[in-house]
Amino acid sequence: MLARATTTAARQLVARRAFTTTRARLSSPYHYPEGPLSNIPFNPRKKGFGIAYWTFMATGFGLPFGISVWQTYHPAK
C-alpha cells in the first residue's frame, strides 16, 4: 500500500515538472554552438593531436618528479 502511494506521488511530481527546452538562438552573442567537441578549447581531430596530447601529459606528470630529483641531488651552496 505504501509503495503504491509513493509511486503514484512520484509520477505526479514528475508529470507536474513540465520540462521544456528552447531552441538555440545562434544570433545571440550569449549562446555558443552546442554539440560534441564544441565545448573544449582544442580539436582532437587534428593530425598531430595524439602526439601533442601525450607530450603534454608526460611533461605535466614528469616535471614534478624531475624537479624533485634535481633538488635532491643539487649541490648546496
PDB file of N, CA and C in Angstrom:
ATOM      1  N   MET A   1       0.827  -1.190   0.000  1.00  0.00           N
ATOM      2  CA  MET A   1       0.000   0.000   0.000  1.00  0.00           C
ATOM      3  C   MET A   1       0.873   1.256   0.000  1.00  0.00           C
ATOM      4  N   LEU A   2       1.857   1.276   0.892  1.00  0.00           N
ATOM      5  CA  LEU A   2       2.726   2.448   0.985  1.00  0.00           C
ATOM      6  C   LEU A   2       3.559   2.614  -0.287  1.00  0.00           C
ATOM      7  N   ALA A   3       4.013   1.501  -0.847  1.00  0.00           N
ATOM      8  CA  ALA A   3       4.817   1.567  -2.063  1.00  0.00           C
ATOM      9  C   ALA A   3       3.991   2.114  -3.222  1.00  0.00           C
ATOM     10  N   ARG A   4       2.731   1.708  -3.307  1.00  0.00           N
ATOM     11  CA  ARG A   4       1.862   2.201  -4.379  1.00  0.00           C
ATOM     12  C   ARG A   4       1.620   3.692  -4.234  1.00  0.00           C
ATOM     13  N   ALA A   5       1.426   4.168  -3.032  1.00  0.00           N
ATOM     14  CA  ALA A   5       1.201   5.595  -2.797  1.00  0.00           C
ATOM     15  C   ALA A   5       2.454   6.406  -3.135  1.00  0.00           C
ATOM     16  N   THR A   6       3.606   5.870  -2.788  1.00  0.00           N
ATOM     17  CA  THR A   6       4.865   6.551  -3.089  1.00  0.00           C
ATOM     18  C   THR A   6       5.084   6.624  -4.594  1.00  0.00           C
ATOM     19  N   THR A   7       4.822   5.536  -5.286  1.00  0.00           N
ATOM     20  CA  THR A   7       4.991   5.508  -6.734  1.00  0.00           C
ATOM     21  C   THR A   7       4.051   6.496  -7.412  1.00  0.00           C
ATOM     22  N   THR A   8       2.815   6.551  -6.970  1.00  0.00           N
ATOM     23  CA  THR A   8       1.831   7.474  -7.539  1.00  0.00           C
ATOM     24  C   THR A   8       2.260   8.913  -7.291  1.00  0.00           C
ATOM     25  N   ALA A   9       2.730   9.206  -6.107  1.00  0.00           N
ATOM     26  CA  ALA A   9       3.163  10.566  -5.785  1.00  0.00           C
ATOM     27  C   ALA A   9       4.366  10.965  -6.638  1.00  0.00           C
ATOM     28  N   ALA A  10       5.289  10.031  -6.832  1.00  0.00           N
ATOM     29  CA  ALA A  10       6.464  10.334  -7.649  1.00  0.00           C
ATOM     30  C   ALA A  10       6.073  10.595  -9.099  1.00  0.00           C
ATOM     31  N   ARG A  11       5.138   9.811  -9.631  1.00  0.00           N
ATOM     32  CA  ARG A  11       4.691  10.026 -11.014  1.00  0.00           C
ATOM     33  C   ARG A  11       4.017  11.381 -11.171  1.00  0.00           C
ATOM     34  N   GLN A  12       3.197  11.758 -10.217  1.00  0.00           N
ATOM     35  CA  GLN A  12       2.516  13.051 -10.297  1.00  0.00           C
ATOM     36  C   GLN A  12       3.518  14.203 -10.213  1.00  0.00           C
ATOM     37  N   LEU A  13       4.545  14.058  -9.391  1.00  0.00           N
ATOM     38  CA  LEU A  13       5.558  15.097  -9.264  1.00  0.00           C
ATOM     39  C   LEU A  13       6.306  15.279 -10.576  1.00  0.00           C
ATOM     40  N   VAL A  14       6.674  14.181 -11.207  1.00  0.00           N
ATOM     41  CA  VAL A  14       7.385  14.255 -12.475  1.00  0.00           C
ATOM     42  C   VAL A  14       6.483  14.841 -13.550  1.00  0.00           C
ATOM     43  N   ALA A  15       5.215  14.485 -13.553  1.00  0.00           N
ATOM     44  CA  ALA A  15       4.279  14.995 -14.547  1.00  0.00           C
ATOM     45  C   ALA A  15       4.071  16.498 -14.385  1.00  0.00           C
ATOM     46  N   ARG A  16       4.114  17.004 -13.175  1.00  0.00           N
ATOM     47  CA  ARG A  16       3.910  18.432 -12.938  1.00  0.00           C
ATOM     48  C   ARG A  16       5.128  19.277 -13.271  1.00  0.00           C
ATOM     49  N   ARG A  17       6.317  18.669 -13.341  1.00  0.00           N
ATOM     50  CA  ARG A  17       7.530  19.461 -13.573  1.00  0.00           C
ATOM     51  C   ARG A  17       7.503  20.158 -14.920  1.00  0.00           C
ATOM     52  N   ALA A  18       6.926  19.536 -15.933  1.00  0.00           N
ATOM     53  CA  ALA A  18       6.780  20.119 -17.268  1.00  0.00           C
ATOM     54  C   ALA A  18       8.131  20.596 -17.805  1.00  0.00           C
ATOM     55  N   PHE A  19       9.019  19.664 -18.062  1.00  0.00           N
ATOM     56  CA  PHE A  19      10.319  20.008 -18.608  1.00  0.00           C
ATOM     57  C   PHE A  19      10.156  20.598 -20.002  1.00  0.00           C
ATOM     58  N   THR A  20      10.812  21.705 -20.259  1.00  0.00           N
ATOM     59  CA  THR A  20      10.728  22.329 -21.581  1.00  0.00           C
ATOM     60  C   THR A  20      12.137  22.670 -22.047  1.00  0.00           C
ATOM     61  N   THR A  21      12.263  22.783 -23.338  1.00  0.00           N
ATOM     62  CA  THR A  21      13.531  23.211 -23.920  1.00  0.00           C
ATOM     63  C   THR A  21      13.245  24.318 -24.919  1.00  0.00           C
ATOM     64  N   THR A  22      14.196  25.169 -25.095  1.00  0.00           N
ATOM     65  CA  THR A  22      14.050  26.232 -26.086  1.00  0.00           C
ATOM     66  C   THR A  22      15.069  26.016 -27.194  1.00  0.00           C
ATOM     67  N   ARG A  23      14.745  26.513 -28.349  1.00  0.00           N
ATOM     68  CA  ARG A  23      15.624  26.379 -29.490  1.00  0.00           C
ATOM     69  C   ARG A  23      16.839  27.273 -29.286  1.00  0.00           C
ATOM     70  N   ALA A  24      17.984  26.821 -29.757  1.00  0.00           N
ATOM     71  CA  ALA A  24      19.209  27.593 -29.603  1.00  0.00           C
ATOM     72  C   ALA A  24      19.135  28.847 -30.466  1.00  0.00           C
ATOM     73  N   ARG A  25      19.434  29.978 -29.872  1.00  0.00           N
ATOM     74  CA  ARG A  25      19.447  31.243 -30.610  1.00  0.00           C
ATOM     75  C   ARG A  25      20.895  31.559 -30.958  1.00  0.00           C
ATOM     76  N   LEU A  26      21.310  31.134 -32.113  1.00  0.00           N
ATOM     77  CA  LEU A  26      22.701  31.318 -32.504  1.00  0.00           C
ATOM     78  C   LEU A  26      23.011  32.761 -32.877  1.00  0.00           C
ATOM     79  N   SER A  27      21.988  33.592 -33.067  1.00  0.00           N
ATOM     80  CA  SER A  27      22.239  35.003 -33.369  1.00  0.00           C
ATOM     81  C   SER A  27      22.582  35.785 -32.101  1.00  0.00           C
ATOM     82  N   SER A  28      22.308  35.217 -30.954  1.00  0.00           N
ATOM     83  CA  SER A  28      22.586  35.878 -29.687  1.00  0.00           C
ATOM     84  C   SER A  28      24.081  35.797 -29.367  1.00  0.00           C
ATOM     85  N   PRO A  29      24.669  36.889 -28.865  1.00  0.00           N
ATOM     86  CA  PRO A  29      26.089  36.828 -28.501  1.00  0.00           C
ATOM     87  C   PRO A  29      26.347  36.021 -27.231  1.00  0.00           C
ATOM     88  N   TYR A  30      25.295  35.600 -26.537  1.00  0.00           N
ATOM     89  CA  TYR A  30      25.461  34.875 -25.286  1.00  0.00           C
ATOM     90  C   TYR A  30      25.269  33.375 -25.451  1.00  0.00           C
ATOM     91  N   HIS A  31      25.020  32.913 -26.670  1.00  0.00           N
ATOM     92  CA  HIS A  31      24.806  31.490 -26.893  1.00  0.00           C
ATOM     93  C   HIS A  31      25.907  30.946 -27.789  1.00  0.00           C
ATOM     94  N   TYR A  32      26.489  29.851 -27.375  1.00  0.00           N
ATOM     95  CA  TYR A  32      27.582  29.251 -28.121  1.00  0.00           C
ATOM     96  C   TYR A  32      27.079  27.997 -28.831  1.00  0.00           C
ATOM     97  N   PRO A  33      27.778  27.537 -29.855  1.00  0.00           N
ATOM     98  CA  PRO A  33      27.347  26.329 -30.539  1.00  0.00           C
ATOM     99  C   PRO A  33      27.319  25.128 -29.596  1.00  0.00           C
ATOM    100  N   GLU A  34      26.399  24.240 -29.844  1.00  0.00           N
ATOM    101  CA  GLU A  34      26.239  23.086 -28.978  1.00  0.00           C
ATOM    102  C   GLU A  34      26.654  21.823 -29.705  1.00  0.00           C
ATOM    103  N   GLY A  35      26.854  20.798 -28.927  1.00  0.00           N
ATOM    104  CA  GLY A  35      27.154  19.502 -29.502  1.00  0.00           C
ATOM    105  C   GLY A  35      28.492  18.981 -29.036  1.00  0.00           C
ATOM    106  N   PRO A  36      28.805  17.738 -29.432  1.00  0.00           N
ATOM    107  CA  PRO A  36      30.081  17.171 -29.023  1.00  0.00           C
ATOM    108  C   PRO A  36      31.251  17.910 -29.659  1.00  0.00           C
ATOM    109  N   LEU A  37      32.329  18.030 -28.927  1.00  0.00           N
ATOM    110  CA  LEU A  37      33.578  18.675 -29.346  1.00  0.00           C
ATOM    111  C   LEU A  37      33.462  20.189 -29.516  1.00  0.00           C
ATOM    112  N   SER A  38      32.336  20.787 -29.145  1.00  0.00           N
ATOM    113  CA  SER A  38      32.217  22.237 -29.291  1.00  0.00           C
ATOM    114  C   SER A  38      32.549  22.963 -27.992  1.00  0.00           C
ATOM    115  N   ASN A  39      32.662  22.252 -26.884  1.00  0.00           N
ATOM    116  CA  ASN A  39      32.893  22.913 -25.600  1.00  0.00           C
ATOM    117  C   ASN A  39      34.291  22.673 -25.062  1.00  0.00           C
ATOM    118  N   ILE A  40      35.227  22.271 -25.916  1.00  0.00           N
ATOM    119  CA  ILE A  40      36.601  22.079 -25.476  1.00  0.00           C
ATOM    120  C   ILE A  40      37.513  23.009 -26.267  1.00  0.00           C
ATOM    121  N   PRO A  41      38.590  23.500 -25.675  1.00  0.00           N
ATOM    122  CA  PRO A  41      39.425  24.512 -26.329  1.00  0.00           C
ATOM    123  C   PRO A  41      40.452  23.958 -27.307  1.00  0.00           C
ATOM    124  N   PHE A  42      40.309  22.708 -27.745  1.00  0.00           N
ATOM    125  CA  PHE A  42      41.254  22.134 -28.694  1.00  0.00           C
ATOM    126  C   PHE A  42      40.487  21.206 -29.630  1.00  0.00           C
ATOM    127  N   ASN A  43      41.114  20.833 -30.731  1.00  0.00           N
ATOM    128  CA  ASN A  43      40.467  19.983 -31.717  1.00  0.00           C
ATOM    129  C   ASN A  43      41.115  18.606 -31.717  1.00  0.00           C
ATOM    130  N   PRO A  44      40.455  17.601 -31.148  1.00  0.00           N
ATOM    131  CA  PRO A  44      41.061  16.274 -31.100  1.00  0.00           C
ATOM    132  C   PRO A  44      41.096  15.562 -32.444  1.00  0.00           C
ATOM    133  N   ARG A  45      40.526  16.150 -33.470  1.00  0.00           N
ATOM    134  CA  ARG A  45      40.526  15.522 -34.791  1.00  0.00           C
ATOM    135  C   ARG A  45      41.681  15.985 -35.666  1.00  0.00           C
ATOM    136  N   LYS A  46      42.532  16.859 -35.145  1.00  0.00           N
ATOM    137  CA  LYS A  46      43.694  17.295 -35.918  1.00  0.00           C
ATOM    138  C   LYS A  46      44.698  16.167 -36.053  1.00  0.00           C
ATOM    139  N   LYS A  47      45.576  16.288 -37.022  1.00  0.00           N
ATOM    140  CA  LYS A  47      46.521  15.223 -37.334  1.00  0.00           C
ATOM    141  C   LYS A  47      47.501  14.948 -36.189  1.00  0.00           C
ATOM    142  N   GLY A  48      48.074  15.966 -35.574  1.00  0.00           N
ATOM    143  CA  GLY A  48      49.088  15.777 -34.546  1.00  0.00           C
ATOM    144  C   GLY A  48      48.560  15.827 -33.136  1.00  0.00           C
ATOM    145  N   PHE A  49      47.259  15.667 -32.951  1.00  0.00           N
ATOM    146  CA  PHE A  49      46.676  15.790 -31.617  1.00  0.00           C
ATOM    147  C   PHE A  49      47.215  14.730 -30.656  1.00  0.00           C
ATOM    148  N   GLY A  50      47.349  13.488 -31.105  1.00  0.00           N
ATOM    149  CA  GLY A  50      47.807  12.413 -30.221  1.00  0.00           C
ATOM    150  C   GLY A  50      49.193  12.660 -29.677  1.00  0.00           C
ATOM    151  N   ILE A  51      50.091  13.088 -30.531  1.00  0.00           N
ATOM    152  CA  ILE A  51      51.470  13.375 -30.096  1.00  0.00           C
ATOM    153  C   ILE A  51      51.491  14.563 -29.146  1.00  0.00           C
ATOM    154  N   ALA A  52      50.751  15.619 -29.494  1.00  0.00           N
ATOM    155  CA  ALA A  52      50.714  16.801 -28.629  1.00  0.00           C
ATOM    156  C   ALA A  52      50.090  16.465 -27.272  1.00  0.00           C
ATOM    157  N   TYR A  53      49.037  15.664 -27.282  1.00  0.00           N
ATOM    158  CA  TYR A  53      48.363  15.290 -26.036  1.00  0.00           C
ATOM    159  C   TYR A  53      49.285  14.506 -25.114  1.00  0.00           C
ATOM    160  N   TRP A  54      49.939  13.467 -25.649  1.00  0.00           N
ATOM    161  CA  TRP A  54      50.790  12.645 -24.805  1.00  0.00           C
ATOM    162  C   TRP A  54      52.062  13.374 -24.392  1.00  0.00           C
ATOM    163  N   THR A  55      52.544  14.294 -25.210  1.00  0.00           N
ATOM    164  CA  THR A  55      53.687  15.122 -24.802  1.00  0.00           C
ATOM    165  C   THR A  55      53.298  16.018 -23.630  1.00  0.00           C
ATOM    166  N   PHE A  56      52.133  16.634 -23.735  1.00  0.00           N
ATOM    167  CA  PHE A  56      51.634  17.486 -22.655  1.00  0.00           C
ATOM    168  C   PHE A  56      51.435  16.690 -21.368  1.00  0.00           C
ATOM    169  N   MET A  57      50.856  15.503 -21.474  1.00  0.00           N
ATOM    170  CA  MET A  57      50.631  14.673 -20.290  1.00  0.00           C
ATOM    171  C   MET A  57      51.952  14.194 -19.679  1.00  0.00           C
ATOM    172  N   ALA A  58      52.893  13.795 -20.514  1.00  0.00           N
ATOM    173  CA  ALA A  58      54.187  13.325 -20.000  1.00  0.00           C
ATOM    174  C   ALA A  58      54.941  14.452 -19.315  1.00  0.00           C
ATOM    175  N   THR A  59      54.857  15.653 -19.885  1.00  0.00           N
ATOM    176  CA  THR A  59      55.531  16.803 -19.272  1.00  0.00           C
ATOM    177  C   THR A  59      54.881  17.141 -17.928  1.00  0.00           C
ATOM    178  N   GLY A  60      53.563  17.171 -17.910  1.00  0.00           N
ATOM    179  CA  GLY A  60      52.850  17.507 -16.672  1.00  0.00           C
ATOM    180  C   GLY A  60      53.062  16.478 -15.582  1.00  0.00           C
ATOM    181  N   PHE A  61      53.224  15.220 -15.961  1.00  0.00           N
ATOM    182  CA  PHE A  61      53.439  14.175 -14.962  1.00  0.00           C
ATOM    183  C   PHE A  61      54.902  14.080 -14.564  1.00  0.00           C
ATOM    184  N   GLY A  62      55.814  14.228 -15.526  1.00  0.00           N
ATOM    185  CA  GLY A  62      57.232  14.030 -15.266  1.00  0.00           C
ATOM    186  C   GLY A  62      57.941  15.238 -14.686  1.00  0.00           C
ATOM    187  N   LEU A  63      57.436  16.431 -14.944  1.00  0.00           N
ATOM    188  CA  LEU A  63      58.107  17.645 -14.479  1.00  0.00           C
ATOM    189  C   LEU A  63      58.253  17.706 -12.951  1.00  0.00           C
ATOM    190  N   PRO A  64      57.220  17.445 -12.170  1.00  0.00           N
ATOM    191  CA  PRO A  64      57.401  17.487 -10.714  1.00  0.00           C
ATOM    192  C   PRO A  64      58.445  16.489 -10.214  1.00  0.00           C
ATOM    193  N   PHE A  65      58.474  15.298 -10.811  1.00  0.00           N
ATOM    194  CA  PHE A  65      59.465  14.308 -10.402  1.00  0.00           C
ATOM    195  C   PHE A  65      60.870  14.744 -10.809  1.00  0.00           C
ATOM    196  N   GLY A  66      60.984  15.308 -11.998  1.00  0.00           N
ATOM    197  CA  GLY A  66      62.282  15.812 -12.446  1.00  0.00           C
ATOM    198  C   GLY A  66      62.798  16.936 -11.563  1.00  0.00           C
ATOM    199  N   ILE A  67      61.925  17.828 -11.169  1.00  0.00           N
ATOM    200  CA  ILE A  67      62.320  18.934 -10.284  1.00  0.00           C
ATOM    201  C   ILE A  67      62.745  18.393  -8.919  1.00  0.00           C
ATOM    202  N   SER A  68      62.012  17.416  -8.403  1.00  0.00           N
ATOM    203  CA  SER A  68      62.374  16.881  -7.084  1.00  0.00           C
ATOM    204  C   SER A  68      63.712  16.138  -7.127  1.00  0.00           C
ATOM    205  N   VAL A  69      63.991  15.419  -8.200  1.00  0.00           N
ATOM    206  CA  VAL A  69      65.286  14.743  -8.330  1.00  0.00           C
ATOM    207  C   VAL A  69      66.401  15.768  -8.439  1.00  0.00           C
ATOM    208  N   TRP A  70      66.173  16.814  -9.222  1.00  0.00           N
ATOM    209  CA  TRP A  70      67.193  17.852  -9.387  1.00  0.00           C
ATOM    210  C   TRP A  70      67.458  18.542  -8.041  1.00  0.00           C
ATOM    211  N   GLN A  71      66.403  18.833  -7.271  1.00  0.00           N
ATOM    212  CA  GLN A  71      66.594  19.482  -5.982  1.00  0.00           C
ATOM    213  C   GLN A  71      67.257  18.541  -4.975  1.00  0.00           C
ATOM    214  N   THR A  72      67.023  17.260  -5.083  1.00  0.00           N
ATOM    215  CA  THR A  72      67.619  16.291  -4.176  1.00  0.00           C
ATOM    216  C   THR A  72      69.123  16.189  -4.394  1.00  0.00           C
ATOM    217  N   TYR A  73      69.533  16.126  -5.636  1.00  0.00           N
ATOM    218  CA  TYR A  73      70.954  15.922  -5.944  1.00  0.00           C
ATOM    219  C   TYR A  73      71.709  17.201  -6.301  1.00  0.00           C
ATOM    220  N   HIS A  74      71.064  18.334  -6.174  1.00  0.00           N
ATOM    221  CA  HIS A  74      71.704  19.614  -6.457  1.00  0.00           C
ATOM    222  C   HIS A  74      72.692  19.937  -5.346  1.00  0.00           C
ATOM    223  N   PRO A  75      73.901  20.320  -5.678  1.00  0.00           N
ATOM    224  CA  PRO A  75      74.868  20.646  -4.623  1.00  0.00           C
ATOM    225  C   PRO A  75      74.458  21.925  -3.893  1.00  0.00           C
ATOM    226  N   ALA A  76      74.453  21.863  -2.587  1.00  0.00           N
ATOM    227  CA  ALA A  76      74.089  23.027  -1.768  1.00  0.00           C
ATOM    228  C   ALA A  76      75.217  24.029  -1.768  1.00  0.00           C
ATOM    229  N   LYS A  77      74.873  25.284  -1.769  1.00  0.00           N
ATOM    230  CA  LYS A  77      75.887  26.350  -1.756  1.00  0.00           C
ATOM    231  C   LYS A  77      76.114  26.854  -0.369  1.00  0.00           C
TER     232      LYS A  77
END
